């Protein structure tokens, strides 16, 4: 849940992204333009063992599921995840906006972003949502802090996975 996916282990950031290592970054763009790839490179290049990778959709679903269990083990794991999300030297929140659109999900990320902003902890966020959509979902107040504290990068280009699929189709 909070580990880097196997696919992205060992990836290093492209040369032009190396200046972003250890900084808060918001990567906005359509699917397949390389947001997660850049985030993984920044994660791998960050020199700390106290860092975490959260897939936004899976993280929220699992937190809510564990809360409903309300067992000692579930409560212990919830505390561990919250501590990690709030206090790790670096976290990546991949695909913000892909989680269930509920007040509970939004409040989880508002709390994490607000806390990390207040304590100047670097955070990397990838999303398909634009600024207006982010403001509506997570509150203008939190997004305003992101714009103040984060390097916002809008990534453009074609969906590399879609291009790969078109190449496969040509073989048939």
N, C-alpha and C. Protein backbone atom coordinates (compact mmCIF):
# COMPACT_ATOMS: atom_id res chain seq x y z
N UNK A 1 0.83 -1.20 0.00
CA UNK A 1 0.00 0.00 0.00
C UNK A 1 0.87 1.26 0.00
N UNK A 2 1.94 1.25 0.76
CA UNK A 2 2.75 2.47 0.81
C UNK A 2 4.13 2.26 0.21
N UNK A 3 4.27 1.24 -0.60
CA UNK A 3 5.56 1.00 -1.24
C UNK A 3 5.52 1.32 -2.72
N UNK A 4 6.67 1.59 -3.26
CA UNK A 4 6.78 1.88 -4.69
C UNK A 4 6.41 0.64 -5.49
N UNK A 5 5.54 0.76 -6.49
CA UNK A 5 5.21 -0.40 -7.32
C UNK A 5 6.45 -0.95 -8.02
N UNK A 6 6.49 -2.24 -8.15
CA UNK A 6 7.64 -2.94 -8.75
C UNK A 6 8.04 -2.34 -10.10
N UNK A 7 7.06 -1.99 -10.92
CA UNK A 7 7.30 -1.44 -12.26
C UNK A 7 8.23 -0.22 -12.24
N UNK A 8 8.22 0.53 -11.15
CA UNK A 8 8.95 1.80 -11.11
C UNK A 8 10.25 1.75 -10.30
N UNK A 9 10.59 0.59 -9.79
CA UNK A 9 11.83 0.49 -9.02
C UNK A 9 13.03 0.69 -9.94
N UNK A 10 13.97 1.50 -9.50
CA UNK A 10 15.19 1.73 -10.27
C UNK A 10 15.11 2.87 -11.27
N UNK A 11 13.92 3.40 -11.52
CA UNK A 11 13.79 4.52 -12.46
C UNK A 11 14.39 5.77 -11.82
N UNK A 12 15.16 6.49 -12.58
CA UNK A 12 15.71 7.76 -12.10
C UNK A 12 15.07 8.89 -12.91
N UNK A 13 15.02 10.08 -12.31
CA UNK A 13 14.35 11.18 -13.01
C UNK A 13 15.14 11.63 -14.23
N UNK A 14 14.45 12.08 -15.28
CA UNK A 14 15.17 12.65 -16.41
C UNK A 14 15.98 13.86 -15.96
N UNK A 15 16.98 14.21 -16.71
CA UNK A 15 17.89 15.30 -16.35
C UNK A 15 17.14 16.58 -15.97
N UNK A 16 16.16 16.97 -16.76
CA UNK A 16 15.47 18.24 -16.50
C UNK A 16 14.62 18.22 -15.24
N UNK A 17 14.32 17.03 -14.71
CA UNK A 17 13.52 16.92 -13.49
C UNK A 17 14.38 16.80 -12.24
N UNK A 18 15.68 16.67 -12.38
CA UNK A 18 16.54 16.44 -11.20
C UNK A 18 16.55 17.61 -10.22
N UNK A 19 16.30 18.80 -10.71
CA UNK A 19 16.24 19.96 -9.81
C UNK A 19 15.04 19.88 -8.86
N UNK A 20 14.10 18.98 -9.14
CA UNK A 20 12.90 18.86 -8.32
C UNK A 20 13.05 17.85 -7.18
N UNK A 21 14.16 17.14 -7.12
CA UNK A 21 14.36 16.14 -6.08
C UNK A 21 14.31 16.82 -4.70
N UNK A 22 13.46 16.31 -3.83
CA UNK A 22 13.33 16.86 -2.48
C UNK A 22 12.42 18.06 -2.38
N UNK A 23 11.72 18.39 -3.47
CA UNK A 23 10.79 19.52 -3.46
C UNK A 23 9.37 19.00 -3.60
N UNK A 24 8.41 19.83 -3.24
CA UNK A 24 7.01 19.48 -3.46
C UNK A 24 6.67 19.78 -4.91
N UNK A 25 6.03 18.80 -5.56
CA UNK A 25 5.75 18.90 -6.99
C UNK A 25 4.33 18.40 -7.25
N UNK A 26 3.59 19.12 -8.08
CA UNK A 26 2.29 18.69 -8.56
C UNK A 26 2.40 18.48 -10.06
N UNK A 27 2.21 17.24 -10.50
CA UNK A 27 2.28 16.89 -11.92
C UNK A 27 0.85 16.67 -12.43
N UNK A 28 0.42 17.54 -13.35
CA UNK A 28 -0.93 17.50 -13.88
C UNK A 28 -0.86 17.10 -15.35
N UNK A 29 -1.73 16.20 -15.77
CA UNK A 29 -1.76 15.84 -17.19
C UNK A 29 -2.67 14.66 -17.45
N UNK A 30 -2.90 14.43 -18.72
CA UNK A 30 -3.74 13.32 -19.16
C UNK A 30 -3.05 11.99 -18.87
N UNK A 31 -3.80 10.89 -18.91
CA UNK A 31 -3.18 9.58 -18.73
C UNK A 31 -2.10 9.32 -19.78
N UNK A 32 -1.02 8.69 -19.35
CA UNK A 32 0.01 8.23 -20.28
C UNK A 32 1.05 9.24 -20.69
N UNK A 33 1.07 10.43 -20.06
CA UNK A 33 2.06 11.44 -20.45
C UNK A 33 3.35 11.37 -19.63
N UNK A 34 3.40 10.49 -18.63
CA UNK A 34 4.63 10.29 -17.88
C UNK A 34 4.67 10.85 -16.47
N UNK A 35 3.52 11.22 -15.91
CA UNK A 35 3.48 11.79 -14.56
C UNK A 35 4.02 10.80 -13.51
N UNK A 36 3.53 9.59 -13.55
CA UNK A 36 3.96 8.59 -12.57
C UNK A 36 5.43 8.24 -12.76
N UNK A 37 5.88 8.21 -13.99
CA UNK A 37 7.28 7.92 -14.29
C UNK A 37 8.19 8.98 -13.65
N UNK A 38 7.84 10.26 -13.81
CA UNK A 38 8.62 11.36 -13.21
C UNK A 38 8.57 11.25 -11.69
N UNK A 39 7.36 11.00 -11.14
CA UNK A 39 7.21 10.88 -9.68
C UNK A 39 8.07 9.74 -9.15
N UNK A 40 8.09 8.62 -9.85
CA UNK A 40 8.90 7.47 -9.42
C UNK A 40 10.39 7.82 -9.45
N UNK A 41 10.82 8.55 -10.47
CA UNK A 41 12.22 8.96 -10.52
C UNK A 41 12.58 9.87 -9.35
N UNK A 42 11.71 10.81 -9.02
CA UNK A 42 11.96 11.70 -7.89
C UNK A 42 11.98 10.91 -6.58
N UNK A 43 11.09 9.95 -6.45
CA UNK A 43 11.03 9.10 -5.27
C UNK A 43 12.33 8.30 -5.12
N UNK A 44 12.75 7.66 -6.19
CA UNK A 44 13.96 6.83 -6.15
C UNK A 44 15.22 7.65 -5.88
N UNK A 45 15.26 8.87 -6.37
CA UNK A 45 16.46 9.71 -6.22
C UNK A 45 16.53 10.38 -4.85
N UNK A 46 15.42 10.41 -4.11
CA UNK A 46 15.38 11.06 -2.80
C UNK A 46 16.15 10.22 -1.80
N UNK A 47 17.12 10.81 -1.14
CA UNK A 47 18.02 10.07 -0.25
C UNK A 47 17.46 9.97 1.17
N UNK A 48 16.51 9.07 1.34
CA UNK A 48 15.97 8.78 2.66
C UNK A 48 15.27 7.43 2.60
N UNK A 49 15.32 6.71 3.67
CA UNK A 49 14.57 5.46 3.75
C UNK A 49 13.16 5.70 4.31
N UNK A 50 12.93 6.90 4.83
CA UNK A 50 11.64 7.22 5.45
C UNK A 50 10.79 7.98 4.44
N UNK A 51 10.30 7.23 3.44
CA UNK A 51 9.47 7.81 2.39
C UNK A 51 8.38 6.81 2.06
N UNK A 52 7.33 7.30 1.41
CA UNK A 52 6.19 6.42 1.13
C UNK A 52 5.54 6.78 -0.20
N UNK A 53 5.00 5.77 -0.83
CA UNK A 53 4.27 5.89 -2.10
C UNK A 53 2.84 5.45 -1.85
N UNK A 54 1.88 6.31 -2.15
CA UNK A 54 0.47 5.98 -1.96
C UNK A 54 -0.27 6.08 -3.28
N UNK A 55 -0.90 5.01 -3.71
CA UNK A 55 -1.84 5.05 -4.82
C UNK A 55 -3.13 5.60 -4.23
N UNK A 56 -3.55 6.77 -4.69
CA UNK A 56 -4.66 7.48 -4.04
C UNK A 56 -5.92 6.62 -3.90
N UNK A 57 -6.34 5.99 -4.97
CA UNK A 57 -7.56 5.19 -4.92
C UNK A 57 -7.46 4.02 -3.98
N UNK A 58 -6.38 3.27 -4.07
CA UNK A 58 -6.19 2.10 -3.21
C UNK A 58 -6.02 2.49 -1.75
N UNK A 59 -5.29 3.57 -1.51
CA UNK A 59 -5.04 4.04 -0.14
C UNK A 59 -6.36 4.34 0.57
N UNK A 60 -7.22 5.11 -0.08
CA UNK A 60 -8.49 5.49 0.54
C UNK A 60 -9.37 4.27 0.76
N UNK A 61 -9.49 3.42 -0.24
CA UNK A 61 -10.32 2.22 -0.09
C UNK A 61 -9.85 1.36 1.08
N UNK A 62 -8.56 1.18 1.17
CA UNK A 62 -8.02 0.32 2.24
C UNK A 62 -8.17 0.99 3.61
N UNK A 63 -7.96 2.30 3.69
CA UNK A 63 -8.17 3.00 4.97
C UNK A 63 -9.62 2.84 5.45
N UNK A 64 -10.56 3.05 4.55
CA UNK A 64 -11.97 2.95 4.91
C UNK A 64 -12.32 1.51 5.30
N UNK A 65 -11.81 0.55 4.55
CA UNK A 65 -12.06 -0.86 4.87
C UNK A 65 -11.52 -1.22 6.25
N UNK A 66 -10.29 -0.75 6.54
CA UNK A 66 -9.68 -1.06 7.85
C UNK A 66 -10.45 -0.38 8.98
N UNK A 67 -10.91 0.85 8.75
CA UNK A 67 -11.68 1.54 9.78
C UNK A 67 -12.94 0.75 10.13
N UNK A 68 -13.60 0.21 9.11
CA UNK A 68 -14.83 -0.56 9.33
C UNK A 68 -14.56 -1.84 10.12
N UNK A 69 -13.38 -2.43 9.93
CA UNK A 69 -13.04 -3.65 10.68
C UNK A 69 -12.96 -3.37 12.17
N UNK A 70 -12.39 -2.22 12.51
CA UNK A 70 -12.29 -1.76 13.89
C UNK A 70 -11.68 -2.81 14.83
N UNK A 71 -10.68 -3.53 14.33
CA UNK A 71 -9.96 -4.48 15.17
C UNK A 71 -8.68 -3.82 15.66
N UNK A 72 -8.03 -4.43 16.61
CA UNK A 72 -6.77 -3.88 17.12
C UNK A 72 -5.73 -3.81 16.00
N UNK A 73 -5.65 -4.88 15.20
CA UNK A 73 -4.70 -4.89 14.08
C UNK A 73 -5.01 -3.78 13.08
N UNK A 74 -6.28 -3.62 12.76
CA UNK A 74 -6.68 -2.59 11.81
C UNK A 74 -6.35 -1.20 12.35
N UNK A 75 -6.64 -0.97 13.62
CA UNK A 75 -6.36 0.33 14.22
C UNK A 75 -4.85 0.61 14.25
N UNK A 76 -4.06 -0.42 14.53
CA UNK A 76 -2.60 -0.27 14.53
C UNK A 76 -2.10 0.10 13.13
N UNK A 77 -2.61 -0.60 12.11
CA UNK A 77 -2.19 -0.31 10.74
C UNK A 77 -2.63 1.09 10.30
N UNK A 78 -3.85 1.48 10.67
CA UNK A 78 -4.32 2.83 10.35
C UNK A 78 -3.40 3.89 10.94
N UNK A 79 -3.02 3.72 12.19
CA UNK A 79 -2.12 4.67 12.84
C UNK A 79 -0.77 4.70 12.13
N UNK A 80 -0.28 3.53 11.77
CA UNK A 80 0.99 3.44 11.07
C UNK A 80 0.94 4.19 9.73
N UNK A 81 -0.15 4.00 8.97
CA UNK A 81 -0.29 4.68 7.67
C UNK A 81 -0.42 6.19 7.85
N UNK A 82 -1.21 6.61 8.85
CA UNK A 82 -1.35 8.05 9.08
C UNK A 82 -0.01 8.66 9.46
N UNK A 83 0.71 8.00 10.35
CA UNK A 83 2.03 8.50 10.75
C UNK A 83 2.95 8.62 9.53
N UNK A 84 2.92 7.62 8.68
CA UNK A 84 3.75 7.64 7.48
C UNK A 84 3.33 8.76 6.54
N UNK A 85 2.03 8.87 6.28
CA UNK A 85 1.54 9.90 5.36
C UNK A 85 1.85 11.30 5.87
N UNK A 86 1.77 11.50 7.16
CA UNK A 86 1.97 12.83 7.72
C UNK A 86 3.44 13.14 7.97
N UNK A 87 4.25 12.15 8.31
CA UNK A 87 5.59 12.43 8.81
C UNK A 87 6.75 11.93 7.98
N UNK A 88 6.53 11.11 6.98
CA UNK A 88 7.64 10.63 6.15
C UNK A 88 8.39 11.82 5.56
N UNK A 89 9.66 11.62 5.32
CA UNK A 89 10.47 12.70 4.74
C UNK A 89 9.97 13.09 3.36
N UNK A 90 9.44 12.14 2.61
CA UNK A 90 8.86 12.38 1.28
C UNK A 90 7.70 11.42 1.10
N UNK A 91 6.61 11.91 0.54
CA UNK A 91 5.56 11.00 0.09
C UNK A 91 5.19 11.35 -1.33
N UNK A 92 4.75 10.32 -2.05
CA UNK A 92 4.16 10.49 -3.38
C UNK A 92 2.72 10.05 -3.27
N UNK A 93 1.81 10.90 -3.73
CA UNK A 93 0.40 10.54 -3.85
C UNK A 93 0.15 10.43 -5.34
N UNK A 94 0.04 9.20 -5.82
CA UNK A 94 -0.13 8.94 -7.24
C UNK A 94 -1.61 8.87 -7.60
N UNK A 95 -1.98 9.57 -8.65
CA UNK A 95 -3.36 9.57 -9.17
C UNK A 95 -4.37 10.18 -8.22
N UNK A 96 -4.02 11.32 -7.62
CA UNK A 96 -4.99 12.03 -6.79
C UNK A 96 -6.21 12.36 -7.65
N UNK A 97 -7.38 12.08 -7.12
CA UNK A 97 -8.61 12.30 -7.87
C UNK A 97 -9.19 11.01 -8.41
N UNK A 98 -8.43 9.93 -8.38
CA UNK A 98 -8.93 8.65 -8.85
C UNK A 98 -9.64 7.88 -7.73
N UNK A 99 -9.52 8.37 -6.51
CA UNK A 99 -10.21 7.73 -5.40
C UNK A 99 -11.70 8.06 -5.47
N UNK A 100 -12.48 7.32 -4.74
CA UNK A 100 -13.91 7.56 -4.68
C UNK A 100 -14.15 9.03 -4.31
N UNK A 101 -15.06 9.68 -5.01
CA UNK A 101 -15.33 11.09 -4.76
C UNK A 101 -16.33 11.23 -3.61
N UNK A 102 -15.81 11.14 -2.39
CA UNK A 102 -16.64 11.27 -1.19
C UNK A 102 -16.00 12.31 -0.28
N UNK A 103 -16.78 12.81 0.64
CA UNK A 103 -16.24 13.77 1.61
C UNK A 103 -15.15 13.13 2.44
N UNK A 104 -15.32 11.85 2.77
CA UNK A 104 -14.31 11.13 3.57
C UNK A 104 -12.99 11.08 2.82
N UNK A 105 -13.02 10.71 1.55
CA UNK A 105 -11.79 10.63 0.75
C UNK A 105 -11.14 12.00 0.62
N UNK A 106 -11.94 13.01 0.33
CA UNK A 106 -11.39 14.36 0.19
C UNK A 106 -10.77 14.85 1.49
N UNK A 107 -11.42 14.54 2.60
CA UNK A 107 -10.90 15.02 3.88
C UNK A 107 -9.58 14.34 4.24
N UNK A 108 -9.41 13.10 3.84
CA UNK A 108 -8.14 12.40 4.09
C UNK A 108 -7.00 13.15 3.42
N UNK A 109 -7.17 13.47 2.13
CA UNK A 109 -6.10 14.15 1.41
C UNK A 109 -5.94 15.61 1.81
N UNK A 110 -7.04 16.27 2.17
CA UNK A 110 -6.92 17.65 2.68
C UNK A 110 -6.06 17.65 3.94
N UNK A 111 -6.30 16.71 4.82
CA UNK A 111 -5.53 16.65 6.07
C UNK A 111 -4.05 16.38 5.80
N UNK A 112 -3.77 15.41 4.93
CA UNK A 112 -2.39 15.06 4.62
C UNK A 112 -1.67 16.26 4.00
N UNK A 113 -2.27 16.87 3.00
CA UNK A 113 -1.63 17.99 2.29
C UNK A 113 -1.43 19.17 3.23
N UNK A 114 -2.45 19.49 4.02
CA UNK A 114 -2.35 20.61 4.97
C UNK A 114 -1.22 20.39 5.97
N UNK A 115 -1.16 19.20 6.54
CA UNK A 115 -0.13 18.88 7.53
C UNK A 115 1.27 18.99 6.91
N UNK A 116 1.44 18.40 5.75
CA UNK A 116 2.76 18.40 5.11
C UNK A 116 3.16 19.83 4.71
N UNK A 117 2.20 20.62 4.31
CA UNK A 117 2.44 22.04 3.99
C UNK A 117 2.93 22.77 5.26
N UNK A 118 2.21 22.58 6.36
CA UNK A 118 2.55 23.27 7.61
C UNK A 118 3.95 22.91 8.11
N UNK A 119 4.36 21.67 7.89
CA UNK A 119 5.66 21.21 8.38
C UNK A 119 6.73 21.14 7.30
N UNK A 120 6.44 21.72 6.15
CA UNK A 120 7.39 21.85 5.05
C UNK A 120 8.00 20.52 4.64
N UNK A 121 7.15 19.50 4.53
CA UNK A 121 7.59 18.17 4.11
C UNK A 121 7.34 18.02 2.61
N UNK A 122 8.35 17.63 1.85
CA UNK A 122 8.15 17.49 0.40
C UNK A 122 7.12 16.41 0.06
N UNK A 123 6.27 16.75 -0.89
CA UNK A 123 5.20 15.88 -1.33
C UNK A 123 5.13 15.96 -2.85
N UNK A 124 5.03 14.81 -3.49
CA UNK A 124 4.86 14.76 -4.94
C UNK A 124 3.46 14.21 -5.21
N UNK A 125 2.70 14.92 -6.02
CA UNK A 125 1.33 14.50 -6.35
C UNK A 125 1.21 14.41 -7.86
N UNK A 126 0.60 13.31 -8.33
CA UNK A 126 0.24 13.22 -9.74
C UNK A 126 -1.28 13.21 -9.83
N UNK A 127 -1.82 13.83 -10.88
CA UNK A 127 -3.28 13.87 -11.05
C UNK A 127 -3.65 14.12 -12.51
N UNK A 128 -4.82 13.63 -12.87
CA UNK A 128 -5.41 13.94 -14.17
C UNK A 128 -6.34 15.15 -14.07
N UNK A 129 -6.58 15.62 -12.85
CA UNK A 129 -7.50 16.74 -12.64
C UNK A 129 -6.81 18.07 -12.89
N UNK A 130 -7.55 19.04 -13.43
CA UNK A 130 -6.98 20.39 -13.60
C UNK A 130 -7.20 21.19 -12.32
N UNK A 131 -6.69 22.40 -12.29
CA UNK A 131 -6.75 23.23 -11.08
C UNK A 131 -8.16 23.47 -10.58
N UNK A 132 -9.09 23.73 -11.48
CA UNK A 132 -10.47 23.97 -11.07
C UNK A 132 -11.09 22.72 -10.45
N UNK A 133 -10.85 21.58 -11.06
CA UNK A 133 -11.38 20.32 -10.53
C UNK A 133 -10.76 20.00 -9.16
N UNK A 134 -9.48 20.26 -9.01
CA UNK A 134 -8.82 20.04 -7.71
C UNK A 134 -9.44 20.93 -6.64
N UNK A 135 -9.67 22.21 -6.96
CA UNK A 135 -10.25 23.15 -6.00
C UNK A 135 -11.63 22.72 -5.55
N UNK A 136 -12.45 22.26 -6.49
CA UNK A 136 -13.81 21.82 -6.14
C UNK A 136 -13.78 20.60 -5.24
N UNK A 137 -12.86 19.72 -5.50
CA UNK A 137 -12.84 18.45 -4.78
C UNK A 137 -12.15 18.53 -3.42
N UNK A 138 -11.07 19.29 -3.32
CA UNK A 138 -10.26 19.29 -2.09
C UNK A 138 -10.27 20.62 -1.35
N UNK A 139 -10.98 21.58 -1.82
CA UNK A 139 -11.16 22.91 -1.25
C UNK A 139 -10.13 23.89 -1.82
N UNK A 140 -10.62 25.06 -2.05
CA UNK A 140 -9.75 26.12 -2.59
C UNK A 140 -8.61 26.43 -1.63
N UNK A 141 -8.88 26.35 -0.35
CA UNK A 141 -7.87 26.65 0.68
C UNK A 141 -6.64 25.74 0.55
N UNK A 142 -6.88 24.44 0.40
CA UNK A 142 -5.78 23.48 0.28
C UNK A 142 -5.06 23.66 -1.06
N UNK A 143 -5.82 23.84 -2.12
CA UNK A 143 -5.20 23.99 -3.44
C UNK A 143 -4.40 25.29 -3.50
N UNK A 144 -4.85 26.33 -2.83
CA UNK A 144 -4.09 27.57 -2.74
C UNK A 144 -2.72 27.33 -2.11
N UNK A 145 -2.69 26.50 -1.08
CA UNK A 145 -1.41 26.16 -0.43
C UNK A 145 -0.51 25.35 -1.37
N UNK A 146 -1.12 24.47 -2.14
CA UNK A 146 -0.34 23.72 -3.12
C UNK A 146 0.30 24.68 -4.11
N UNK A 147 -0.48 25.63 -4.61
CA UNK A 147 0.07 26.57 -5.59
C UNK A 147 1.18 27.43 -5.00
N UNK A 148 1.10 27.70 -3.70
CA UNK A 148 2.15 28.49 -3.05
C UNK A 148 3.43 27.67 -2.87
N UNK A 149 3.27 26.43 -2.45
CA UNK A 149 4.39 25.63 -1.98
C UNK A 149 4.96 24.66 -3.01
N UNK A 150 4.17 24.26 -3.99
CA UNK A 150 4.56 23.23 -4.94
C UNK A 150 5.04 23.83 -6.25
N UNK A 151 5.93 23.13 -6.90
CA UNK A 151 6.25 23.41 -8.30
C UNK A 151 5.16 22.70 -9.09
N UNK A 152 4.33 23.46 -9.79
CA UNK A 152 3.23 22.89 -10.56
C UNK A 152 3.70 22.72 -12.01
N UNK A 153 3.59 21.49 -12.50
CA UNK A 153 4.02 21.18 -13.86
C UNK A 153 2.85 20.57 -14.60
N UNK A 154 2.49 21.20 -15.71
CA UNK A 154 1.44 20.66 -16.57
C UNK A 154 2.14 19.88 -17.68
N UNK A 155 1.87 18.59 -17.71
CA UNK A 155 2.52 17.71 -18.68
C UNK A 155 1.58 17.49 -19.86
N UNK A 156 2.12 17.70 -21.02
CA UNK A 156 1.32 17.54 -22.24
C UNK A 156 1.95 16.47 -23.11
N UNK A 157 1.21 16.03 -24.06
CA UNK A 157 1.71 15.02 -24.99
C UNK A 157 0.67 13.95 -25.20
N UNK A 158 1.05 12.99 -26.00
CA UNK A 158 0.12 11.90 -26.29
C UNK A 158 0.27 10.78 -25.26
N UNK A 159 -0.75 9.99 -25.15
CA UNK A 159 -0.76 8.85 -24.25
C UNK A 159 0.19 7.79 -24.82
N UNK A 160 1.32 7.59 -24.16
CA UNK A 160 2.32 6.65 -24.66
C UNK A 160 1.79 5.22 -24.69
N UNK A 161 0.93 4.88 -23.75
CA UNK A 161 0.36 3.53 -23.74
C UNK A 161 -0.60 3.34 -24.91
N UNK A 162 -1.35 4.37 -25.25
CA UNK A 162 -2.26 4.30 -26.39
C UNK A 162 -1.47 4.12 -27.68
N UNK A 163 -0.36 4.84 -27.80
CA UNK A 163 0.49 4.71 -28.99
C UNK A 163 1.02 3.29 -29.09
N UNK A 164 1.42 2.71 -27.95
CA UNK A 164 1.91 1.34 -27.95
C UNK A 164 0.82 0.38 -28.41
N UNK A 165 -0.42 0.62 -27.98
CA UNK A 165 -1.55 -0.23 -28.38
C UNK A 165 -1.78 -0.13 -29.88
N UNK A 166 -1.66 1.05 -30.45
CA UNK A 166 -1.84 1.24 -31.89
C UNK A 166 -0.78 0.45 -32.65
N UNK A 167 0.43 0.41 -32.13
CA UNK A 167 1.49 -0.35 -32.78
C UNK A 167 1.15 -1.84 -32.75
N UNK A 168 0.58 -2.31 -31.66
CA UNK A 168 0.17 -3.72 -31.56
C UNK A 168 -0.90 -4.01 -32.58
N UNK A 169 -1.87 -3.09 -32.70
CA UNK A 169 -2.97 -3.31 -33.63
C UNK A 169 -2.47 -3.42 -35.08
N UNK A 170 -1.41 -2.71 -35.43
CA UNK A 170 -0.87 -2.76 -36.78
C UNK A 170 -0.32 -4.14 -37.12
N UNK A 171 0.04 -4.91 -36.13
CA UNK A 171 0.62 -6.23 -36.35
C UNK A 171 -0.47 -7.27 -36.67
N UNK A 172 -1.67 -6.97 -36.31
CA UNK A 172 -2.73 -7.98 -36.47
C UNK A 172 -3.15 -8.15 -37.90
